[in-house]
PDB file of N, CA and C in Angstrom:
ATOM      1  N   UNK A   1      68.875  95.170 108.879  1.00  0.00           N
ATOM      2  CA  UNK A   1      69.749  95.195 107.554  1.00  0.00           C
ATOM      3  C   UNK A   1      70.682  95.971 107.351  1.00  0.00           C
ATOM      4  N   UNK A   2      71.956  96.131 107.512  1.00  0.00           N
ATOM      5  CA  UNK A   2      73.027  96.979 107.335  1.00  0.00           C
ATOM      6  C   UNK A   2      72.765  97.336 105.498  1.00  0.00           C
ATOM      7  N   UNK A   3      73.292  98.575 105.047  1.00  0.00           N
ATOM      8  CA  UNK A   3      73.658  99.092 103.959  1.00  0.00           C
ATOM      9  C   UNK A   3      74.412  97.915 103.288  1.00  0.00           C
ATOM     10  N   UNK A   4      75.439  97.429 104.037  1.00  0.00           N
ATOM     11  CA  UNK A   4      76.676  97.187 103.313  1.00  0.00           C
ATOM     12  C   UNK A   4      76.027  95.245 102.932  1.00  0.00           C
ATOM     13  N   UNK A   5      75.146  94.682 103.698  1.00  0.00           N
ATOM     14  CA  UNK A   5      74.479  93.784 103.545  1.00  0.00           C
ATOM     15  C   UNK A   5      73.423  93.700 102.281  1.00  0.00           C
ATOM     16  N   UNK A   6      72.738  95.018 102.068  1.00  0.00           N
ATOM     17  CA  UNK A   6      71.770  94.734 100.947  1.00  0.00           C
ATOM     18  C   UNK A   6      72.004  94.608 100.089  1.00  0.00           C
ATOM     19  N   UNK A   7      73.269  93.831  99.407  1.00  0.00           N
ATOM     20  CA  UNK A   7      73.514  93.215  98.334  1.00  0.00           C
ATOM     21  C   UNK A   7      74.782  92.081  98.563  1.00  0.00           C
ATOM     22  N   UNK A   8      74.506  91.217  97.735  1.00  0.00           N
ATOM     23  CA  UNK A   8      75.344  90.010  98.646  1.00  0.00           C
ATOM     24  C   UNK A   8      76.727  90.586  97.888  1.00  0.00           C
ATOM     25  N   UNK A   9      77.574  89.667  98.691  1.00  0.00           N
ATOM     26  CA  UNK A   9      78.991  89.888  99.036  1.00  0.00           C
ATOM     27  C   UNK A   9      79.638  90.062  97.684  1.00  0.00           C
ATOM     28  N   UNK A  10      79.205  88.935  96.811  1.00  0.00           N
ATOM     29  CA  UNK A  10      80.061  88.568  95.187  1.00  0.00           C
ATOM     30  C   UNK A  10      79.643  90.012  94.694  1.00  0.00           C
ATOM     31  N   UNK A  11      78.000  90.332  94.460  1.00  0.00           N
ATOM     32  CA  UNK A  11      77.911  91.382  93.844  1.00  0.00           C
ATOM     33  C   UNK A  11      78.777  92.782  94.214  1.00  0.00           C
ATOM     34  N   UNK A  12      79.179  92.848  95.983  1.00  0.00           N
ATOM     35  CA  UNK A  12      79.585  94.335  96.005  1.00  0.00           C
ATOM     36  C   UNK A  12      81.055  93.944  95.196  1.00  0.00           C
ATOM     37  N   UNK A  13      81.401  92.482  95.269  1.00  0.00           N
ATOM     38  CA  UNK A  13      82.921  92.326  94.914  1.00  0.00           C
ATOM     39  C   UNK A  13      83.197  92.482  93.854  1.00  0.00           C
ATOM     40  N   UNK A  14      81.928  92.294  92.722  1.00  0.00           N
ATOM     41  CA  UNK A  14      81.834  92.142  91.390  1.00  0.00           C
ATOM     42  C   UNK A  14      81.877  93.617  90.975  1.00  0.00           C
ATOM     43  N   UNK A  15      81.398  94.504  91.567  1.00  0.00           N
ATOM     44  CA  UNK A  15      81.144  95.941  91.727  1.00  0.00           C
ATOM     45  C   UNK A  15      82.673  96.732  91.967  1.00  0.00           C
ATOM     46  N   UNK A  16      83.222  96.459  92.910  1.00  0.00           N
ATOM     47  CA  UNK A  16      84.684  96.429  93.014  1.00  0.00           C
ATOM     48  C   UNK A  16      85.766  97.042  92.280  1.00  0.00           C
ATOM     49  N   UNK A  17      85.226  95.489  91.792  1.00  0.00           N
ATOM     50  CA  UNK A  17      86.558  95.045  90.587  1.00  0.00           C
ATOM     51  C   UNK A  17      86.472  95.853  89.049  1.00  0.00           C
ATOM     52  N   UNK A  18      85.219  96.181  89.076  1.00  0.00           N
ATOM     53  CA  UNK A  18      84.932  96.936  87.720  1.00  0.00           C
ATOM     54  C   UNK A  18      85.088  98.698  88.265  1.00  0.00           C
ATOM     55  N   UNK A  19      84.908  98.920  89.546  1.00  0.00           N
ATOM     56  CA  UNK A  19      85.215 100.315  90.065  1.00  0.00           C
ATOM     57  C   UNK A  19      86.155 100.590  91.233  1.00  0.00           C
ATOM     58  N   UNK A  20      87.920  99.933  91.002  1.00  0.00           N
ATOM     59  CA  UNK A  20      88.890 100.074  92.071  1.00  0.00           C
ATOM     60  C   UNK A  20      88.877 101.078  92.718  1.00  0.00           C
ATOM     61  N   UNK A  21      88.767 101.591  91.911  1.00  0.00           N
ATOM     62  CA  UNK A  21      89.101 103.704  92.868  1.00  0.00           C
ATOM     63  C   UNK A  21      88.144 103.598  93.918  1.00  0.00           C
ATOM     64  N   UNK A  22      86.801 103.261  93.669  1.00  0.00           N
ATOM     65  CA  UNK A  22      85.589 103.787  94.236  1.00  0.00           C
ATOM     66  C   UNK A  22      85.774 103.457  95.707  1.00  0.00           C
ATOM     67  N   UNK A  23      86.168 104.322  96.684  1.00  0.00           N
ATOM     68  CA  UNK A  23      87.086 104.083  98.247  1.00  0.00           C
ATOM     69  C   UNK A  23      85.535 104.132  98.938  1.00  0.00           C
ATOM     70  N   UNK A  24      84.550 104.323  98.723  1.00  0.00           N
ATOM     71  CA  UNK A  24      83.074 104.134  99.014  1.00  0.00           C
ATOM     72  C   UNK A  24      82.803 102.793  99.423  1.00  0.00           C
ATOM     73  N   UNK A  25      82.494 102.603  98.142  1.00  0.00           N
ATOM     74  CA  UNK A  25      82.377 100.778  97.854  1.00  0.00           C
ATOM     75  C   UNK A  25      83.587  99.742  98.504  1.00  0.00           C
ATOM     76  N   UNK A  26      84.859 100.603  98.346  1.00  0.00           N
ATOM     77  CA  UNK A  26      85.700  99.317  99.142  1.00  0.00           C
ATOM     78  C   UNK A  26      85.740  98.920 100.414  1.00  0.00           C
ATOM     79  N   UNK A  27      85.173 100.473 101.116  1.00  0.00           N
ATOM     80  CA  UNK A  27      84.724 100.242 102.121  1.00  0.00           C
ATOM     81  C   UNK A  27      83.486  99.497 102.375  1.00  0.00           C
ATOM     82  N   UNK A  28      82.793  99.743 101.561  1.00  0.00           N
ATOM     83  CA  UNK A  28      81.580  98.585 102.226  1.00  0.00           C
ATOM     84  C   UNK A  28      81.300  96.759 101.974  1.00  0.00           C
ATOM     85  N   UNK A  29      82.606  96.801 101.090  1.00  0.00           N
ATOM     86  CA  UNK A  29      82.463  95.216 100.926  1.00  0.00           C
ATOM     87  C   UNK A  29      83.900  95.061 102.053  1.00  0.00           C
ATOM     88  N   UNK A  30      84.379  95.684 102.156  1.00  0.00           N
ATOM     89  CA  UNK A  30      85.536  95.343 103.675  1.00  0.00           C
ATOM     90  C   UNK A  30      84.481  95.670 104.868  1.00  0.00           C
ATOM     91  N   UNK A  31      83.669  96.519 105.071  1.00  0.00           N
ATOM     92  CA  UNK A  31      82.192  95.732 105.980  1.00  0.00           C
ATOM     93  C   UNK A  31      81.431  94.752 105.844  1.00  0.00           C
ATOM     94  N   UNK A  32      80.613  94.474 104.494  1.00  0.00           N
ATOM     95  CA  UNK A  32      80.140  93.166 104.122  1.00  0.00           C
ATOM     96  C   UNK A  32      81.152  92.065 104.455  1.00  0.00           C
ATOM     97  N   UNK A  33      82.339  92.010 104.248  1.00  0.00           N
ATOM     98  CA  UNK A  33      83.199  90.972 104.917  1.00  0.00           C
ATOM     99  C   UNK A  33      83.670  90.724 106.082  1.00  0.00           C
ATOM    100  N   UNK A  34      83.586  91.776 106.916  1.00  0.00           N
ATOM    101  CA  UNK A  34      83.967  91.981 108.401  1.00  0.00           C
ATOM    102  C   UNK A  34      82.531  91.187 108.812  1.00  0.00           C
ATOM    103  N   UNK A  35      81.449  91.565 108.872  1.00  0.00           N
ATOM    104  CA  UNK A  35      80.485  91.249 109.015  1.00  0.00           C
ATOM    105  C   UNK A  35      80.076  89.829 108.927  1.00  0.00           C
ATOM    106  N   UNK A  36      80.108  89.209 107.971  1.00  0.00           N
ATOM    107  CA  UNK A  36      80.491  87.910 107.532  1.00  0.00           C
ATOM    108  C   UNK A  36      81.725  87.384 107.966  1.00  0.00           C
ATOM    109  N   UNK A  37      82.442  87.725 109.199  1.00  0.00           N
ATOM    110  CA  UNK A  37      83.232  87.388 109.688  1.00  0.00           C
ATOM    111  C   UNK A  37      84.904  87.004 109.103  1.00  0.00           C
ATOM    112  N   UNK A  38      85.072  87.232 107.985  1.00  0.00           N
ATOM    113  CA  UNK A  38      86.464  87.354 106.935  1.00  0.00           C
ATOM    114  C   UNK A  38      87.081  88.567 106.934  1.00  0.00           C
ATOM    115  N   UNK A  39      87.262  88.312 108.391  1.00  0.00           N
ATOM    116  CA  UNK A  39      88.426  89.382 108.994  1.00  0.00           C
ATOM    117  C   UNK A  39      89.428  89.766 108.179  1.00  0.00           C
ATOM    118  N   UNK A  40      90.522  89.051 107.708  1.00  0.00           N
ATOM    119  CA  UNK A  40      91.000  89.042 106.549  1.00  0.00           C
ATOM    120  C   UNK A  40      91.356  89.423 105.403  1.00  0.00           C
ATOM    121  N   UNK A  41      90.304  88.669 104.602  1.00  0.00           N
ATOM    122  CA  UNK A  41      89.736  89.401 103.474  1.00  0.00           C
ATOM    123  C   UNK A  41      89.367  90.258 103.594  1.00  0.00           C
ATOM    124  N   UNK A  42      88.353  91.515 104.438  1.00  0.00           N
ATOM    125  CA  UNK A  42      88.649  92.449 104.501  1.00  0.00           C
ATOM    126  C   UNK A  42      89.637  93.466 104.716  1.00  0.00           C
ATOM    127  N   UNK A  43      90.962  92.927 105.569  1.00  0.00           N
ATOM    128  CA  UNK A  43      92.069  93.883 105.819  1.00  0.00           C
ATOM    129  C   UNK A  43      92.794  93.970 104.500  1.00  0.00           C
ATOM    130  N   UNK A  44      92.834  92.555 103.639  1.00  0.00           N
ATOM    131  CA  UNK A  44      93.252  92.689 102.529  1.00  0.00           C
ATOM    132  C   UNK A  44      92.653  93.497 101.591  1.00  0.00           C
ATOM    133  N   UNK A  45      91.136  93.693 101.403  1.00  0.00           N
ATOM    134  CA  UNK A  45      90.928  94.381 100.702  1.00  0.00           C
ATOM    135  C   UNK A  45      91.189  96.116 100.971  1.00  0.00           C
ATOM    136  N   UNK A  46      91.171  96.452 101.855  1.00  0.00           N
ATOM    137  CA  UNK A  46      91.553  98.053 102.435  1.00  0.00           C
ATOM    138  C   UNK A  46      93.060  98.081 101.986  1.00  0.00           C
ATOM    139  N   UNK A  47      93.546  96.909 102.010  1.00  0.00           N
ATOM    140  CA  UNK A  47      95.050  96.937 102.013  1.00  0.00           C
ATOM    141  C   UNK A  47      95.684  97.503 100.665  1.00  0.00           C
ATOM    142  N   UNK A  48      94.878  96.925 100.065  1.00  0.00           N
ATOM    143  CA  UNK A  48      94.990  96.636  98.393  1.00  0.00           C
ATOM    144  C   UNK A  48      95.292  98.183  98.105  1.00  0.00           C
ATOM    145  N   UNK A  49      94.323  99.034  98.317  1.00  0.00           N
ATOM    146  CA  UNK A  49      94.688 100.440  97.634  1.00  0.00           C
ATOM    147  C   UNK A  49      94.479 101.456  98.545  1.00  0.00           C
ATOM    148  N   UNK A  50      94.583 101.223  99.839  1.00  0.00           N
ATOM    149  CA  UNK A  50      94.406 102.596 100.968  1.00  0.00           C
ATOM    150  C   UNK A  50      95.547 102.235 101.673  1.00  0.00           C
ATOM    151  N   UNK A  51      96.481 103.160 102.261  1.00  0.00           N
ATOM    152  CA  UNK A  51      97.515 103.360 102.811  1.00  0.00           C
ATOM    153  C   UNK A  51      96.742 103.650 104.237  1.00  0.00           C
ATOM    154  N   UNK A  52      97.270 102.486 105.528  1.00  0.00           N
ATOM    155  CA  UNK A  52      97.581 102.441 106.777  1.00  0.00           C
ATOM    156  C   UNK A  52      97.711 103.687 107.663  1.00  0.00           C
ATOM    157  N   UNK A  53      96.740 104.636 107.955  1.00  0.00           N
ATOM    158  CA  UNK A  53      97.161 105.714 108.217  1.00  0.00           C
ATOM    159  C   UNK A  53      97.333 105.813 109.638  1.00  0.00           C
ATOM    160  N   UNK A  54      97.345 104.560 110.475  1.00  0.00           N
ATOM    161  CA  UNK A  54      97.242 103.850 111.774  1.00  0.00           C
ATOM    162  C   UNK A  54      98.972 104.306 111.977  1.00  0.00           C
ATOM    163  N   UNK A  55      98.585 104.933 113.463  1.00  0.00           N
ATOM    164  CA  UNK A  55     100.176 104.956 113.901  1.00  0.00           C
ATOM    165  C   UNK A  55     100.902 104.241 115.141  1.00  0.00           C
ATOM    166  N   UNK A  56     101.741 103.584 114.764  1.00  0.00           N
ATOM    167  CA  UNK A  56     102.374 102.658 115.827  1.00  0.00           C
ATOM    168  C   UNK A  56     102.333 102.676 117.135  1.00  0.00           C
ATOM    169  N   UNK A  57     101.521 101.924 118.260  1.00  0.00           N
ATOM    170  CA  UNK A  57     100.869 102.304 119.314  1.00  0.00           C
ATOM    171  C   UNK A  57     101.024 101.115 120.289  1.00  0.00           C
ATOM    172  N   UNK A  58     100.825 101.133 121.344  1.00  0.00           N
ATOM    173  CA  UNK A  58     100.719 100.357 122.386  1.00  0.00           C
ATOM    174  C   UNK A  58     101.535 100.651 123.639  1.00  0.00           C
ATOM    175  N   UNK A  59     101.046  99.877 124.925  1.00  0.00           N
ATOM    176  CA  UNK A  59     100.928  98.775 124.944  1.00  0.00           C
ATOM    177  C   UNK A  59      99.476  98.071 125.246  1.00  0.00           C
ATOM    178  N   UNK A  60      98.701  99.209 125.680  1.00  0.00           N
ATOM    179  CA  UNK A  60      97.354  98.683 126.088  1.00  0.00           C
ATOM    180  C   UNK A  60      96.470  97.490 125.217  1.00  0.00           C
ATOM    181  N   UNK A  61      96.466  97.932 124.228  1.00  0.00           N
ATOM    182  CA  UNK A  61      95.537  97.678 123.123  1.00  0.00           C
ATOM    183  C   UNK A  61      96.578  97.470 121.899  1.00  0.00           C
ATOM    184  N   UNK A  62      96.301  95.858 121.237  1.00  0.00           N
ATOM    185  CA  UNK A  62      97.258  96.007 120.089  1.00  0.00           C
ATOM    186  C   UNK A  62      96.999  96.754 119.508  1.00  0.00           C
ATOM    187  N   UNK A  63      98.769  97.255 118.691  1.00  0.00           N
ATOM    188  CA  UNK A  63      98.798  98.122 117.587  1.00  0.00           C
ATOM    189  C   UNK A  63      97.896  97.495 116.290  1.00  0.00           C
ATOM    190  N   UNK A  64      97.702  98.877 115.892  1.00  0.00           N
ATOM    191  CA  UNK A  64      96.934  98.824 114.452  1.00  0.00           C
ATOM    192  C   UNK A  64      97.540  99.218 112.886  1.00  0.00           C
ATOM    193  N   UNK A  65      99.178  99.254 113.617  1.00  0.00           N
ATOM    194  CA  UNK A  65      99.596  99.765 112.150  1.00  0.00           C
ATOM    195  C   UNK A  65      99.912  99.161 111.361  1.00  0.00           C
ATOM    196  N   UNK A  66     100.207  99.144 109.970  1.00  0.00           N
ATOM    197  CA  UNK A  66     100.578  98.487 109.036  1.00  0.00           C
ATOM    198  C   UNK A  66     101.196  97.086 109.376  1.00  0.00           C
ATOM    199  N   UNK A  67     102.678  97.200 110.108  1.00  0.00           N
ATOM    200  CA  UNK A  67     103.485  96.270 110.655  1.00  0.00           C
ATOM    201  C   UNK A  67     103.053  95.083 111.506  1.00  0.00           C
ATOM    202  N   UNK A  68     102.246  95.541 112.284  1.00  0.00           N
ATOM    203  CA  UNK A  68     101.833  94.932 113.405  1.00  0.00           C
ATOM    204  C   UNK A  68     100.341  94.468 113.368  1.00  0.00           C
ATOM    205  N   UNK A  69      99.418  94.961 112.442  1.00  0.00           N
ATOM    206  CA  UNK A  69      97.574  94.732 111.968  1.00  0.00           C
ATOM    207  C   UNK A  69      97.972  93.087 112.165  1.00  0.00           C
ATOM    208  N   UNK A  70      96.492  92.518 113.014  1.00  0.00           N
ATOM    209  CA  UNK A  70      96.585  91.397 113.008  1.00  0.00           C
ATOM    210  C   UNK A  70      95.078  91.054 112.111  1.00  0.00           C
ATOM    211  N   UNK A  71      95.094  90.603 111.338  1.00  0.00           N
ATOM    212  CA  UNK A  71      93.974  91.213 110.640  1.00  0.00           C
ATOM    213  C   UNK A  71      92.669  90.327 111.155  1.00  0.00           C
ATOM    214  N   UNK A  72      92.971  89.007 112.205  1.00  0.00           N
ATOM    215  CA  UNK A  72      91.974  87.838 112.734  1.00  0.00           C
ATOM    216  C   UNK A  72      91.521  88.339 114.096  1.00  0.00           C
ATOM    217  N   UNK A  73      92.175  89.527 114.699  1.00  0.00           N
ATOM    218  CA  UNK A  73      92.478  89.872 115.889  1.00  0.00           C
ATOM    219  C   UNK A  73      91.284  91.071 116.096  1.00  0.00           C
ATOM    220  N   UNK A  74      89.895  91.345 116.289  1.00  0.00           N
ATOM    221  CA  UNK A  74      88.760  91.968 116.020  1.00  0.00           C
ATOM    222  C   UNK A  74      88.202  92.272 117.195  1.00  0.00           C
ATOM    223  N   UNK A  75      88.842  91.551 118.725  1.00  0.00           N
ATOM    224  CA  UNK A  75      88.313  91.894 120.063  1.00  0.00           C
ATOM    225  C   UNK A  75      89.189  91.924 120.665  1.00  0.00           C
ATOM    226  N   UNK A  76      89.558  92.792 121.678  1.00  0.00           N
ATOM    227  CA  UNK A  76      90.588  92.889 122.688  1.00  0.00           C
ATOM    228  C   UNK A  76      89.935  93.703 123.742  1.00  0.00           C
ATOM    229  N   UNK A  77      90.857  93.193 124.958  1.00  0.00           N
ATOM    230  CA  UNK A  77      90.174  93.426 126.481  1.00  0.00           C
ATOM    231  C   UNK A  77      91.552  94.378 126.758  1.00  0.00           C
ATOM    232  N   UNK A  78      91.214  95.588 127.643  1.00  0.00           N
ATOM    233  CA  UNK A  78      92.442  96.541 127.661  1.00  0.00           C
ATOM    234  C   UNK A  78      91.761  97.034 129.364  1.00  0.00           C
ATOM    235  N   UNK A  79      92.259  96.966 130.518  1.00  0.00           N
ATOM    236  CA  UNK A  79      91.632  97.567 131.776  1.00  0.00           C
ATOM    237  C   UNK A  79      90.803  96.652 132.437  1.00  0.00           C
ATOM    238  N   UNK A  80      89.851  95.761 131.914  1.00  0.00           N
ATOM    239  CA  UNK A  80      89.082  95.232 131.805  1.00  0.00           C
ATOM    240  C   UNK A  80      87.454  95.919 131.252  1.00  0.00           C
ATOM    241  N   UNK A  81      88.105  96.074 130.066  1.00  0.00           N
ATOM    242  CA  UNK A  81      86.617  96.554 128.693  1.00  0.00           C
ATOM    243  C   UNK A  81      87.255  96.282 128.216  1.00  0.00           C
ATOM    244  N   UNK A  82      86.286  95.322 126.792  1.00  0.00           N
ATOM    245  CA  UNK A  82      86.376  95.010 125.953  1.00  0.00           C
ATOM    246  C   UNK A  82      86.081  95.798 125.009  1.00  0.00           C
ATOM    247  N   UNK A  83      86.625  95.564 123.925  1.00  0.00           N
ATOM    248  CA  UNK A  83      86.963  96.593 122.508  1.00  0.00           C
ATOM    249  C   UNK A  83      86.590  96.167 121.213  1.00  0.00           C
ATOM    250  N   UNK A  84      86.080  96.636 120.327  1.00  0.00           N
ATOM    251  CA  UNK A  84      86.249  95.832 118.497  1.00  0.00           C
ATOM    252  C   UNK A  84      86.967  96.981 117.678  1.00  0.00           C
ATOM    253  N   UNK A  85      87.575  96.061 117.161  1.00  0.00           N
ATOM    254  CA  UNK A  85      88.651  96.971 115.915  1.00  0.00           C
ATOM    255  C   UNK A  85      87.308  97.220 114.703  1.00  0.00           C
ATOM    256  N   UNK A  86      87.376  98.556 114.617  1.00  0.00           N
ATOM    257  CA  UNK A  86      86.766  99.208 113.052  1.00  0.00           C
ATOM    258  C   UNK A  86      87.790 100.059 112.543  1.00  0.00           C
ATOM    259  N   UNK A  87      87.308 100.744 111.271  1.00  0.00           N
ATOM    260  CA  UNK A  87      87.997 100.703 110.471  1.00  0.00           C
ATOM    261  C   UNK A  87      87.420 102.943 109.819  1.00  0.00           C
ATOM    262  N   UNK A  88      87.778 103.626 109.500  1.00  0.00           N
ATOM    263  CA  UNK A  88      87.790 104.341 108.568  1.00  0.00           C
ATOM    264  C   UNK A  88      88.243 105.009 107.119  1.00  0.00           C
ATOM    265  N   UNK A  89      87.478 105.142 106.426  1.00  0.00           N
ATOM    266  CA  UNK A  89      88.207 105.069 105.252  1.00  0.00           C
ATOM    267  C   UNK A  89      88.107 106.666 104.749  1.00  0.00           C
ATOM    268  N   UNK A  90      89.336 107.232 104.171  1.00  0.00           N
ATOM    269  CA  UNK A  90      89.368 108.732 103.513  1.00  0.00           C
ATOM    270  C   UNK A  90      90.107 108.986 102.587  1.00  0.00           C
ATOM    271  N   UNK A  91      90.074 109.739 101.240  1.00  0.00           N
ATOM    272  CA  UNK A  91      91.317 110.224 100.364  1.00  0.00           C
ATOM    273  C   UNK A  91      92.669 109.062 100.445  1.00  0.00           C
ATOM    274  N   UNK A  92      92.591 107.820  99.896  1.00  0.00           N
ATOM    275  CA  UNK A  92      93.395 107.064 100.133  1.00  0.00           C
ATOM    276  C   UNK A  92      94.082 106.395 101.005  1.00  0.00           C
ATOM    277  N   UNK A  93      93.284 106.428 102.254  1.00  0.00           N
ATOM    278  CA  UNK A  93      93.391 105.955 103.845  1.00  0.00           C
ATOM    279  C   UNK A  93      92.969 105.325 104.354  1.00  0.00           C
ATOM    280  N   UNK A  94      93.317 104.532 105.099  1.00  0.00           N
ATOM    281  CA  UNK A  94      92.472 104.044 106.225  1.00  0.00           C
ATOM    282  C   UNK A  94      92.697 103.803 107.820  1.00  0.00           C
ATOM    283  N   UNK A  95      92.445 104.493 108.431  1.00  0.00           N
ATOM    284  CA  UNK A  95      91.895 104.173 110.130  1.00  0.00           C
ATOM    285  C   UNK A  95      91.552 103.305 110.562  1.00  0.00           C
ATOM    286  N   UNK A  96      92.558 102.142 111.377  1.00  0.00           N
ATOM    287  CA  UNK A  96      91.963 101.365 112.073  1.00  0.00           C
ATOM    288  C   UNK A  96      91.894 101.950 113.310  1.00  0.00           C
ATOM    289  N   UNK A  97      91.123 101.899 114.671  1.00  0.00           N
ATOM    290  CA  UNK A  97      90.605 102.074 115.579  1.00  0.00           C
ATOM    291  C   UNK A  97      90.181 101.095 116.430  1.00  0.00           C
ATOM    292  N   UNK A  98      90.239 101.057 117.981  1.00  0.00           N
ATOM    293  CA  UNK A  98      89.389  99.938 118.837  1.00  0.00           C
ATOM    294  C   UNK A  98      88.338 101.199 119.401  1.00  0.00           C
ATOM    295  N   UNK A  99      87.405 100.511 119.468  1.00  0.00           N
ATOM    296  CA  UNK A  99      86.249 101.194 120.333  1.00  0.00           C
ATOM    297  C   UNK A  99      85.330 100.191 121.193  1.00  0.00           C
ATOM    298  N   UNK A 100      85.037 101.116 122.440  1.00  0.00           N
ATOM    299  CA  UNK A 100      84.227  99.870 123.076  1.00  0.00           C
ATOM    300  C   UNK A 100      83.004  99.499 122.830  1.00  0.00           C
ATOM    301  N   UNK A 101      82.766  97.752 122.403  1.00  0.00           N
ATOM    302  CA  UNK A 101      81.851  96.907 122.388  1.00  0.00           C
ATOM    303  C   UNK A 101      80.700  97.413 122.328  1.00  0.00           C
ATOM    304  N   UNK A 102      80.380  98.735 123.562  1.00  0.00           N
ATOM    305  CA  UNK A 102      79.170  99.016 123.256  1.00  0.00           C
ATOM    306  C   UNK A 102      78.527  99.829 122.686  1.00  0.00           C
ATOM    307  N   UNK A 103      79.911 100.764 121.570  1.00  0.00           N
ATOM    308  CA  UNK A 103      79.877 101.969 121.059  1.00  0.00           C
ATOM    309  C   UNK A 103      80.122 100.924 119.756  1.00  0.00           C
ATOM    310  N   UNK A 104      80.518  99.568 119.296  1.00  0.00           N
ATOM    311  CA  UNK A 104      80.968  99.521 118.173  1.00  0.00           C
ATOM    312  C   UNK A 104      79.951  98.935 117.025  1.00  0.00           C
ATOM    313  N   UNK A 105      78.833  98.953 117.547  1.00  0.00           N
ATOM    314  CA  UNK A 105      77.944  98.993 116.171  1.00  0.00           C
ATOM    315  C   UNK A 105      76.914 100.566 115.890  1.00  0.00           C
ATOM    316  N   UNK A 106      77.724 101.469 116.582  1.00  0.00           N
ATOM    317  CA  UNK A 106      77.050 103.168 116.431  1.00  0.00           C
ATOM    318  C   UNK A 106      77.797 103.304 115.000  1.00  0.00           C
ATOM    319  N   UNK A 107      76.301 103.338 114.356  1.00  0.00           N
ATOM    320  CA  UNK A 107      76.689 104.013 113.086  1.00  0.00           C
ATOM    321  C   UNK A 107      77.121 105.429 112.760  1.00  0.00           C
ATOM    322  N   UNK A 108      76.472 106.456 114.311  1.00  0.00           N
ATOM    323  CA  UNK A 108      76.661 107.314 113.994  1.00  0.00           C
ATOM    324  C   UNK A 108      78.431 107.795 114.660  1.00  0.00           C
ATOM    325  N   UNK A 109      78.669 107.224 115.447  1.00  0.00           N
ATOM    326  CA  UNK A 109      80.030 107.384 115.865  1.00  0.00           C
ATOM    327  C   UNK A 109      81.264 107.059 114.775  1.00  0.00           C
ATOM    328  N   UNK A 110      80.673 105.598 113.926  1.00  0.00           N
ATOM    329  CA  UNK A 110      81.368 105.613 112.765  1.00  0.00           C
ATOM    330  C   UNK A 110      81.784 107.047 111.797  1.00  0.00           C
ATOM    331  N   UNK A 111      80.351 106.914 111.441  1.00  0.00           N
ATOM    332  CA  UNK A 111      80.464 108.197 110.407  1.00  0.00           C
ATOM    333  C   UNK A 111      81.010 109.388 111.162  1.00  0.00           C
ATOM    334  N   UNK A 112      81.211 109.876 112.271  1.00  0.00           N
ATOM    335  CA  UNK A 112      81.974 110.871 112.905  1.00  0.00           C
ATOM    336  C   UNK A 112      83.352 111.037 112.734  1.00  0.00           C
ATOM    337  N   UNK A 113      83.669 109.597 113.064  1.00  0.00           N
ATOM    338  CA  UNK A 113      85.666 109.026 112.972  1.00  0.00           C
ATOM    339  C   UNK A 113      85.982 109.315 111.717  1.00  0.00           C
ATOM    340  N   UNK A 114      84.647 108.937 110.413  1.00  0.00           N
ATOM    341  CA  UNK A 114      85.187 109.165 108.580  1.00  0.00           C
ATOM    342  C   UNK A 114      85.121 110.318 108.705  1.00  0.00           C
ATOM    343  N   UNK A 115      84.503 111.007 109.459  1.00  0.00           N
ATOM    344  CA  UNK A 115      84.281 112.697 108.812  1.00  0.00           C
ATOM    345  C   UNK A 115      85.287 113.372 109.053  1.00  0.00           C
ATOM    346  N   UNK A 116      85.747 113.459 110.634  1.00  0.00           N
ATOM    347  CA  UNK A 116      87.054 114.061 111.069  1.00  0.00           C
ATOM    348  C   UNK A 116      88.158 113.394 110.525  1.00  0.00           C
ATOM    349  N   UNK A 117      88.438 112.033 110.081  1.00  0.00           N
ATOM    350  CA  UNK A 117      89.362 112.080 109.273  1.00  0.00           C
ATOM    351  C   UNK A 117      89.427 112.728 108.049  1.00  0.00           C
ATOM    352  N   UNK A 118      88.114 112.490 107.108  1.00  0.00           N
ATOM    353  CA  UNK A 118      88.227 113.355 106.258  1.00  0.00           C
ATOM    354  C   UNK A 118      88.259 114.675 106.394  1.00  0.00           C
ATOM    355  N   UNK A 119      88.198 115.846 107.321  1.00  0.00           N
ATOM    356  CA  UNK A 119      88.398 116.832 107.349  1.00  0.00           C
ATOM    357  C   UNK A 119      90.013 117.328 107.766  1.00  0.00           C
ATOM    358  N   UNK A 120      90.467 116.383 108.400  1.00  0.00           N
ATOM    359  CA  UNK A 120      91.467 116.480 108.884  1.00  0.00           C
ATOM    360  C   UNK A 120      92.628 115.988 107.655  1.00  0.00           C
ATOM    361  N   UNK A 121      92.235 115.280 106.684  1.00  0.00           N
ATOM    362  CA  UNK A 121      92.958 115.308 105.616  1.00  0.00           C
ATOM    363  C   UNK A 121      93.017 116.121 104.592  1.00  0.00           C
ATOM    364  N   UNK A 122      91.695 117.017 104.469  1.00  0.00           N
ATOM    365  CA  UNK A 122      91.675 117.988 103.574  1.00  0.00           C
ATOM    366  C   UNK A 122      92.298 118.789 103.939  1.00  0.00           C
ATOM    367  N   UNK A 123      92.703 119.403 105.320  1.00  0.00           N
ATOM    368  CA  UNK A 123      93.069 120.840 105.834  1.00  0.00           C
ATOM    369  C   UNK A 123      94.525 120.935 105.387  1.00  0.00           C
TER     370      UNK A 123
END
């Protein structure tokens, strides 16, 4: 069981309502919603107070910028490989990214992306 599933989603959402500026909690709620297959709600939770930092991109994989993001599109294929959509949160921003499905659940990769984002935004 992942850390985001340790509490029922309703409890996490209540905590977020009481602490709307807690980015870590916002990310946990979005992760829990994603794990429950509620992708549109997860994207909405992130968009409510975080700026989408993802640049417009393409054409290999679907673009994840604010304008192009399709909340329900969480899996894509390019050049014979399957990818899963993930996100990182830092300093009032969310970065959406594609990762090969083999690494999609690698928590060390997710922490690395989040740490790198934090570092870049702090500079």
